Amino acid sequence: MSVSPPFHLAFAVTDIEETRAFYVKKLGCKVGRSAERWIDFDFFGHQVSAHLVDGALSPAETNPVDGEKVPSRHFGAILNWDEWHAMKDRLEADGTDFIIPPTTRFAGEVGEQATMFFRDPSGNALEFKTFRDKSMIFAH
């Protein structure tokens, strides 16, 4: 697999300072540029931009995936095996309220992965996953 350029994703949030604290303290992201109503984060080598909106965000619909109700609108990162487990342990110790707790999806099948879902302070769904065999990321 070749190294791809970083991607950019902009997403809505309802509180800039809560968002800053969550992405920096809980996820370990570094802050890039920011202004009164937006903030850029180094999200595992990619640029994500949180943009303040006035009012509540609507929750994402879900789709069934391997027996779970997966939020249709979510983003996250694919971590190395050890990094994912370290994050899982840290999130569990912090008492994170998981949408889908750490689990193995597609066990024994092509694309077997460990995954977990939780929300940021604005309700955006995040998924972090890992593969023992990275060649399974795009396998079918």
N, C-alpha and C. Protein backbone atom coordinates (compact mmCIF):
# COMPACT_ATOMS: atom_id res chain seq x y z
N MET A 1 0.85 -1.17 0.00
CA MET A 1 0.00 0.00 0.00
C MET A 1 0.90 1.24 0.00
N SER A 2 0.65 2.16 -0.91
CA SER A 2 1.44 3.39 -0.98
C SER A 2 0.97 4.37 0.08
N VAL A 3 1.84 5.29 0.42
CA VAL A 3 1.49 6.32 1.40
C VAL A 3 0.65 7.37 0.70
N SER A 4 -0.51 7.64 1.25
CA SER A 4 -1.42 8.63 0.67
C SER A 4 -1.19 9.99 1.30
N PRO A 5 -1.56 11.05 0.58
CA PRO A 5 -1.45 12.38 1.19
C PRO A 5 -2.48 12.51 2.31
N PRO A 6 -2.23 13.41 3.25
CA PRO A 6 -3.20 13.60 4.33
C PRO A 6 -4.55 14.05 3.76
N PHE A 7 -5.63 13.63 4.39
CA PHE A 7 -6.95 14.10 3.97
C PHE A 7 -7.37 15.25 4.87
N HIS A 8 -8.40 15.96 4.45
CA HIS A 8 -8.98 17.06 5.22
C HIS A 8 -10.46 16.77 5.41
N LEU A 9 -10.93 16.97 6.63
CA LEU A 9 -12.34 16.79 6.94
C LEU A 9 -12.78 17.93 7.83
N ALA A 10 -13.88 18.58 7.48
CA ALA A 10 -14.48 19.62 8.32
C ALA A 10 -15.75 19.05 8.92
N PHE A 11 -15.99 19.35 10.21
CA PHE A 11 -17.17 18.84 10.88
C PHE A 11 -17.70 19.89 11.86
N ALA A 12 -18.98 19.79 12.16
CA ALA A 12 -19.65 20.76 13.01
C ALA A 12 -19.51 20.40 14.49
N VAL A 13 -19.35 21.42 15.31
CA VAL A 13 -19.31 21.26 16.77
C VAL A 13 -20.15 22.36 17.41
N THR A 14 -20.52 22.12 18.66
CA THR A 14 -21.37 23.09 19.36
C THR A 14 -20.63 23.88 20.43
N ASP A 15 -19.38 23.52 20.73
CA ASP A 15 -18.59 24.22 21.74
C ASP A 15 -17.11 24.06 21.39
N ILE A 16 -16.47 25.15 21.01
CA ILE A 16 -15.07 25.09 20.57
C ILE A 16 -14.13 24.65 21.70
N GLU A 17 -14.30 25.19 22.89
CA GLU A 17 -13.37 24.86 23.98
C GLU A 17 -13.52 23.42 24.46
N GLU A 18 -14.75 22.92 24.54
CA GLU A 18 -14.96 21.50 24.88
C GLU A 18 -14.33 20.61 23.81
N THR A 19 -14.48 21.02 22.57
CA THR A 19 -13.92 20.27 21.45
C THR A 19 -12.40 20.25 21.54
N ARG A 20 -11.81 21.41 21.79
CA ARG A 20 -10.35 21.50 21.93
C ARG A 20 -9.86 20.55 23.03
N ALA A 21 -10.49 20.60 24.18
CA ALA A 21 -10.08 19.76 25.30
C ALA A 21 -10.21 18.28 24.96
N PHE A 22 -11.29 17.89 24.33
CA PHE A 22 -11.53 16.48 23.98
C PHE A 22 -10.48 15.97 23.00
N TYR A 23 -10.28 16.69 21.90
CA TYR A 23 -9.37 16.20 20.86
C TYR A 23 -7.91 16.25 21.31
N VAL A 24 -7.55 17.22 22.15
CA VAL A 24 -6.17 17.32 22.64
C VAL A 24 -5.94 16.34 23.80
N LYS A 25 -6.77 16.42 24.83
CA LYS A 25 -6.52 15.63 26.05
C LYS A 25 -6.93 14.16 25.90
N LYS A 26 -8.07 13.90 25.31
CA LYS A 26 -8.57 12.53 25.22
C LYS A 26 -7.94 11.76 24.06
N LEU A 27 -7.77 12.44 22.91
CA LEU A 27 -7.26 11.75 21.72
C LEU A 27 -5.79 12.03 21.43
N GLY A 28 -5.22 13.04 22.06
CA GLY A 28 -3.80 13.34 21.86
C GLY A 28 -3.48 14.11 20.59
N CYS A 29 -4.48 14.78 20.02
CA CYS A 29 -4.27 15.57 18.80
C CYS A 29 -3.55 16.87 19.12
N LYS A 30 -2.80 17.35 18.17
CA LYS A 30 -2.15 18.66 18.29
C LYS A 30 -3.04 19.70 17.59
N VAL A 31 -3.02 20.92 18.11
CA VAL A 31 -3.80 22.00 17.54
C VAL A 31 -3.00 22.69 16.45
N GLY A 32 -3.67 22.96 15.34
CA GLY A 32 -3.08 23.75 14.25
C GLY A 32 -3.60 25.17 14.34
N ARG A 33 -3.98 25.71 13.20
CA ARG A 33 -4.52 27.07 13.19
C ARG A 33 -5.91 27.07 13.80
N SER A 34 -6.33 28.24 14.30
CA SER A 34 -7.67 28.35 14.86
C SER A 34 -8.12 29.80 14.82
N ALA A 35 -9.40 29.96 14.99
CA ALA A 35 -10.02 31.28 15.10
C ALA A 35 -11.15 31.16 16.11
N GLU A 36 -11.94 32.18 16.23
CA GLU A 36 -13.01 32.17 17.22
C GLU A 36 -14.02 31.04 16.98
N ARG A 37 -14.30 30.70 15.71
CA ARG A 37 -15.35 29.73 15.40
C ARG A 37 -14.86 28.47 14.70
N TRP A 38 -13.56 28.25 14.65
CA TRP A 38 -13.04 27.00 14.07
C TRP A 38 -11.67 26.69 14.64
N ILE A 39 -11.31 25.42 14.55
CA ILE A 39 -10.00 24.98 15.03
C ILE A 39 -9.56 23.76 14.21
N ASP A 40 -8.31 23.76 13.79
CA ASP A 40 -7.73 22.63 13.06
C ASP A 40 -6.98 21.73 14.03
N PHE A 41 -7.08 20.42 13.80
CA PHE A 41 -6.35 19.44 14.59
C PHE A 41 -5.52 18.55 13.68
N ASP A 42 -4.35 18.15 14.17
CA ASP A 42 -3.57 17.08 13.54
C ASP A 42 -4.17 15.79 14.08
N PHE A 43 -5.01 15.17 13.28
CA PHE A 43 -5.76 13.98 13.66
C PHE A 43 -5.06 12.77 13.06
N PHE A 44 -4.05 12.27 13.78
CA PHE A 44 -3.30 11.10 13.35
C PHE A 44 -2.70 11.30 11.95
N GLY A 45 -2.15 12.51 11.74
CA GLY A 45 -1.50 12.83 10.47
C GLY A 45 -2.41 13.46 9.43
N HIS A 46 -3.67 13.66 9.78
CA HIS A 46 -4.63 14.26 8.85
C HIS A 46 -5.18 15.54 9.46
N GLN A 47 -5.68 16.43 8.61
CA GLN A 47 -6.20 17.70 9.10
C GLN A 47 -7.72 17.62 9.23
N VAL A 48 -8.22 17.73 10.45
CA VAL A 48 -9.65 17.84 10.66
C VAL A 48 -9.93 19.20 11.26
N SER A 49 -11.02 19.81 10.81
CA SER A 49 -11.36 21.17 11.23
C SER A 49 -12.73 21.19 11.87
N ALA A 50 -12.76 21.57 13.12
CA ALA A 50 -14.01 21.69 13.86
C ALA A 50 -14.56 23.10 13.66
N HIS A 51 -15.79 23.18 13.17
CA HIS A 51 -16.44 24.46 12.91
C HIS A 51 -17.64 24.63 13.82
N LEU A 52 -17.65 25.73 14.56
CA LEU A 52 -18.73 26.02 15.50
C LEU A 52 -20.02 26.33 14.76
N VAL A 53 -21.11 25.68 15.18
CA VAL A 53 -22.44 25.98 14.66
C VAL A 53 -23.31 26.40 15.83
N ASP A 54 -24.32 27.17 15.53
CA ASP A 54 -25.27 27.59 16.55
C ASP A 54 -26.42 26.58 16.57
N GLY A 55 -26.67 26.00 17.72
CA GLY A 55 -27.75 25.03 17.83
C GLY A 55 -27.22 23.61 17.90
N ALA A 56 -28.12 22.70 18.18
CA ALA A 56 -27.76 21.28 18.34
C ALA A 56 -27.55 20.61 16.99
N LEU A 57 -26.76 19.56 17.01
CA LEU A 57 -26.53 18.74 15.81
C LEU A 57 -27.52 17.58 15.82
N SER A 58 -27.97 17.19 14.65
CA SER A 58 -28.88 16.05 14.58
C SER A 58 -28.07 14.75 14.66
N PRO A 59 -28.58 13.76 15.38
CA PRO A 59 -27.85 12.49 15.48
C PRO A 59 -27.87 11.75 14.15
N ALA A 60 -26.83 10.97 13.93
CA ALA A 60 -26.72 10.20 12.69
C ALA A 60 -27.64 8.99 12.74
N GLU A 61 -28.21 8.66 11.61
CA GLU A 61 -28.96 7.41 11.47
C GLU A 61 -27.96 6.27 11.63
N THR A 62 -28.46 5.06 11.82
CA THR A 62 -27.56 3.91 11.94
C THR A 62 -27.83 2.89 10.85
N ASN A 63 -26.83 2.09 10.57
CA ASN A 63 -26.92 0.98 9.64
C ASN A 63 -26.46 -0.28 10.35
N PRO A 64 -27.09 -1.42 10.07
CA PRO A 64 -26.61 -2.66 10.69
C PRO A 64 -25.31 -3.13 10.03
N VAL A 65 -24.30 -3.37 10.85
CA VAL A 65 -23.02 -3.90 10.39
C VAL A 65 -22.58 -4.98 11.37
N ASP A 66 -22.51 -6.20 10.91
CA ASP A 66 -22.06 -7.32 11.73
C ASP A 66 -22.77 -7.36 13.09
N GLY A 67 -24.09 -7.14 13.05
CA GLY A 67 -24.88 -7.23 14.27
C GLY A 67 -24.90 -5.98 15.14
N GLU A 68 -24.27 -4.91 14.72
CA GLU A 68 -24.22 -3.67 15.50
C GLU A 68 -24.93 -2.55 14.74
N LYS A 69 -25.43 -1.55 15.47
CA LYS A 69 -26.02 -0.36 14.86
C LYS A 69 -24.93 0.70 14.73
N VAL A 70 -24.34 0.78 13.56
CA VAL A 70 -23.22 1.69 13.31
C VAL A 70 -23.75 3.04 12.84
N PRO A 71 -23.31 4.14 13.49
CA PRO A 71 -23.72 5.47 13.02
C PRO A 71 -23.29 5.67 11.57
N SER A 72 -24.23 6.05 10.72
CA SER A 72 -23.92 6.20 9.29
C SER A 72 -22.95 7.35 9.04
N ARG A 73 -22.97 8.36 9.89
CA ARG A 73 -22.05 9.49 9.75
C ARG A 73 -21.05 9.40 10.89
N HIS A 74 -19.82 9.07 10.55
CA HIS A 74 -18.75 8.99 11.54
C HIS A 74 -17.40 9.13 10.84
N PHE A 75 -16.37 9.38 11.62
CA PHE A 75 -15.01 9.39 11.10
C PHE A 75 -14.09 8.89 12.18
N GLY A 76 -12.85 8.61 11.83
CA GLY A 76 -11.91 8.11 12.81
C GLY A 76 -10.58 7.81 12.16
N ALA A 77 -9.88 6.85 12.73
CA ALA A 77 -8.56 6.49 12.21
C ALA A 77 -8.34 4.99 12.38
N ILE A 78 -7.50 4.47 11.50
CA ILE A 78 -7.05 3.08 11.61
C ILE A 78 -5.68 3.15 12.27
N LEU A 79 -5.59 2.60 13.48
CA LEU A 79 -4.35 2.65 14.25
C LEU A 79 -3.59 1.33 14.14
N ASN A 80 -2.31 1.39 14.49
CA ASN A 80 -1.55 0.15 14.62
C ASN A 80 -2.12 -0.64 15.80
N TRP A 81 -1.91 -1.94 15.77
CA TRP A 81 -2.48 -2.86 16.76
C TRP A 81 -2.20 -2.40 18.20
N ASP A 82 -0.94 -2.12 18.51
CA ASP A 82 -0.58 -1.73 19.88
C ASP A 82 -1.15 -0.36 20.26
N GLU A 83 -1.15 0.58 19.30
CA GLU A 83 -1.71 1.92 19.56
C GLU A 83 -3.21 1.83 19.85
N TRP A 84 -3.92 1.00 19.08
CA TRP A 84 -5.35 0.85 19.28
C TRP A 84 -5.64 0.30 20.68
N HIS A 85 -4.90 -0.74 21.08
CA HIS A 85 -5.12 -1.33 22.39
C HIS A 85 -4.77 -0.36 23.52
N ALA A 86 -3.73 0.43 23.34
CA ALA A 86 -3.39 1.44 24.34
C ALA A 86 -4.50 2.48 24.45
N MET A 87 -5.06 2.91 23.30
CA MET A 87 -6.17 3.87 23.32
C MET A 87 -7.39 3.24 23.99
N LYS A 88 -7.71 2.01 23.64
CA LYS A 88 -8.85 1.29 24.24
C LYS A 88 -8.70 1.26 25.76
N ASP A 89 -7.53 0.88 26.24
CA ASP A 89 -7.30 0.79 27.68
C ASP A 89 -7.46 2.16 28.34
N ARG A 90 -6.94 3.20 27.71
CA ARG A 90 -7.03 4.56 28.25
C ARG A 90 -8.49 5.03 28.28
N LEU A 91 -9.24 4.78 27.20
CA LEU A 91 -10.64 5.20 27.14
C LEU A 91 -11.49 4.45 28.15
N GLU A 92 -11.25 3.16 28.30
CA GLU A 92 -11.99 2.38 29.30
C GLU A 92 -11.68 2.88 30.71
N ALA A 93 -10.42 3.19 30.99
CA ALA A 93 -10.03 3.70 32.31
C ALA A 93 -10.65 5.07 32.58
N ASP A 94 -10.86 5.87 31.50
CA ASP A 94 -11.49 7.19 31.63
C ASP A 94 -13.01 7.10 31.78
N GLY A 95 -13.57 5.89 31.65
CA GLY A 95 -15.02 5.74 31.75
C GLY A 95 -15.76 6.21 30.52
N THR A 96 -15.15 6.10 29.35
CA THR A 96 -15.78 6.53 28.10
C THR A 96 -17.10 5.80 27.90
N ASP A 97 -18.11 6.56 27.48
CA ASP A 97 -19.41 6.00 27.16
C ASP A 97 -19.39 5.60 25.68
N PHE A 98 -19.17 4.33 25.42
CA PHE A 98 -19.05 3.84 24.06
C PHE A 98 -20.42 3.68 23.40
N ILE A 99 -20.50 4.05 22.13
CA ILE A 99 -21.67 3.71 21.31
C ILE A 99 -21.62 2.22 21.03
N ILE A 100 -20.47 1.77 20.59
CA ILE A 100 -20.17 0.35 20.40
C ILE A 100 -18.86 0.10 21.13
N PRO A 101 -18.90 -0.69 22.21
CA PRO A 101 -17.67 -0.92 22.97
C PRO A 101 -16.63 -1.66 22.15
N PRO A 102 -15.38 -1.61 22.58
CA PRO A 102 -14.31 -2.32 21.86
C PRO A 102 -14.72 -3.78 21.59
N THR A 103 -14.62 -4.16 20.34
CA THR A 103 -15.06 -5.48 19.91
C THR A 103 -14.31 -5.92 18.67
N THR A 104 -14.41 -7.19 18.35
CA THR A 104 -13.86 -7.70 17.09
C THR A 104 -15.01 -7.88 16.12
N ARG A 105 -14.87 -7.28 14.95
CA ARG A 105 -15.89 -7.36 13.91
C ARG A 105 -15.39 -8.29 12.81
N PHE A 106 -16.30 -9.02 12.19
CA PHE A 106 -16.00 -9.94 11.09
C PHE A 106 -15.00 -11.00 11.51
N ALA A 107 -15.16 -11.51 12.73
CA ALA A 107 -14.23 -12.51 13.28
C ALA A 107 -14.10 -13.71 12.33
N GLY A 108 -12.87 -14.06 12.02
CA GLY A 108 -12.57 -15.20 11.17
C GLY A 108 -12.84 -14.98 9.70
N GLU A 109 -13.21 -13.75 9.32
CA GLU A 109 -13.52 -13.44 7.92
C GLU A 109 -12.48 -12.48 7.35
N VAL A 110 -12.54 -12.29 6.04
CA VAL A 110 -11.72 -11.26 5.40
C VAL A 110 -12.11 -9.92 6.02
N GLY A 111 -11.13 -9.13 6.39
CA GLY A 111 -11.41 -7.82 6.98
C GLY A 111 -11.62 -7.84 8.47
N GLU A 112 -11.27 -8.95 9.13
CA GLU A 112 -11.41 -8.99 10.60
C GLU A 112 -10.68 -7.79 11.20
N GLN A 113 -11.35 -7.15 12.16
CA GLN A 113 -10.81 -5.92 12.75
C GLN A 113 -11.30 -5.75 14.17
N ALA A 114 -10.53 -5.04 14.96
CA ALA A 114 -10.98 -4.59 16.27
C ALA A 114 -11.46 -3.15 16.07
N THR A 115 -12.58 -2.81 16.69
CA THR A 115 -13.17 -1.50 16.49
C THR A 115 -13.85 -1.01 17.75
N MET A 116 -14.04 0.29 17.83
CA MET A 116 -14.80 0.91 18.92
C MET A 116 -15.35 2.24 18.43
N PHE A 117 -16.53 2.59 18.93
CA PHE A 117 -17.20 3.84 18.57
C PHE A 117 -17.54 4.61 19.85
N PHE A 118 -17.37 5.92 19.81
CA PHE A 118 -17.79 6.80 20.89
C PHE A 118 -18.03 8.18 20.30
N ARG A 119 -18.58 9.09 21.09
CA ARG A 119 -18.91 10.44 20.60
C ARG A 119 -18.00 11.50 21.20
N ASP A 120 -17.81 12.56 20.42
CA ASP A 120 -17.13 13.74 20.96
C ASP A 120 -18.17 14.57 21.72
N PRO A 121 -17.77 15.66 22.36
CA PRO A 121 -18.73 16.44 23.17
C PRO A 121 -19.92 16.99 22.38
N SER A 122 -19.79 17.14 21.06
CA SER A 122 -20.90 17.65 20.25
C SER A 122 -21.79 16.54 19.71
N GLY A 123 -21.42 15.29 19.99
CA GLY A 123 -22.23 14.17 19.52
C GLY A 123 -21.74 13.55 18.22
N ASN A 124 -20.63 14.02 17.68
CA ASN A 124 -20.07 13.41 16.46
C ASN A 124 -19.54 12.02 16.79
N ALA A 125 -19.92 11.04 15.98
CA ALA A 125 -19.48 9.67 16.20
C ALA A 125 -18.08 9.47 15.64
N LEU A 126 -17.24 8.82 16.44
CA LEU A 126 -15.86 8.51 16.05
C LEU A 126 -15.67 7.01 16.09
N GLU A 127 -14.95 6.49 15.10
CA GLU A 127 -14.59 5.06 15.10
C GLU A 127 -13.09 4.94 15.00
N PHE A 128 -12.53 4.12 15.87
CA PHE A 128 -11.13 3.77 15.79
C PHE A 128 -11.06 2.27 15.61
N LYS A 129 -10.23 1.86 14.65
CA LYS A 129 -10.14 0.43 14.36
C LYS A 129 -8.70 0.04 14.14
N THR A 130 -8.46 -1.27 14.12
CA THR A 130 -7.14 -1.81 13.86
C THR A 130 -7.28 -3.17 13.20
N PHE A 131 -6.27 -3.55 12.44
CA PHE A 131 -6.20 -4.84 11.79
C PHE A 131 -4.89 -5.50 12.18
N ARG A 132 -4.93 -6.79 12.50
CA ARG A 132 -3.67 -7.52 12.72
C ARG A 132 -2.88 -7.54 11.42
N ASP A 133 -3.61 -7.66 10.31
CA ASP A 133 -3.02 -7.75 8.98
C ASP A 133 -3.52 -6.56 8.17
N LYS A 134 -2.68 -5.55 7.98
CA LYS A 134 -3.11 -4.34 7.28
C LYS A 134 -3.51 -4.57 5.83
N SER A 135 -3.12 -5.72 5.26
CA SER A 135 -3.55 -5.99 3.88
C SER A 135 -5.06 -6.25 3.83
N MET A 136 -5.69 -6.42 4.98
CA MET A 136 -7.13 -6.66 5.05
C MET A 136 -7.95 -5.37 4.99
N ILE A 137 -7.29 -4.21 5.07
CA ILE A 137 -8.02 -2.93 5.10
C ILE A 137 -8.94 -2.80 3.89
N PHE A 138 -8.45 -3.13 2.71
CA PHE A 138 -9.24 -2.99 1.49
C PHE A 138 -9.57 -4.33 0.84
N ALA A 139 -9.34 -5.42 1.56
CA ALA A 139 -9.62 -6.76 1.00
C ALA A 139 -11.12 -6.97 0.87
N HIS A 140 -11.49 -7.84 -0.10
CA HIS A 140 -12.90 -8.20 -0.23
C HIS A 140 -13.03 -9.65 -0.59
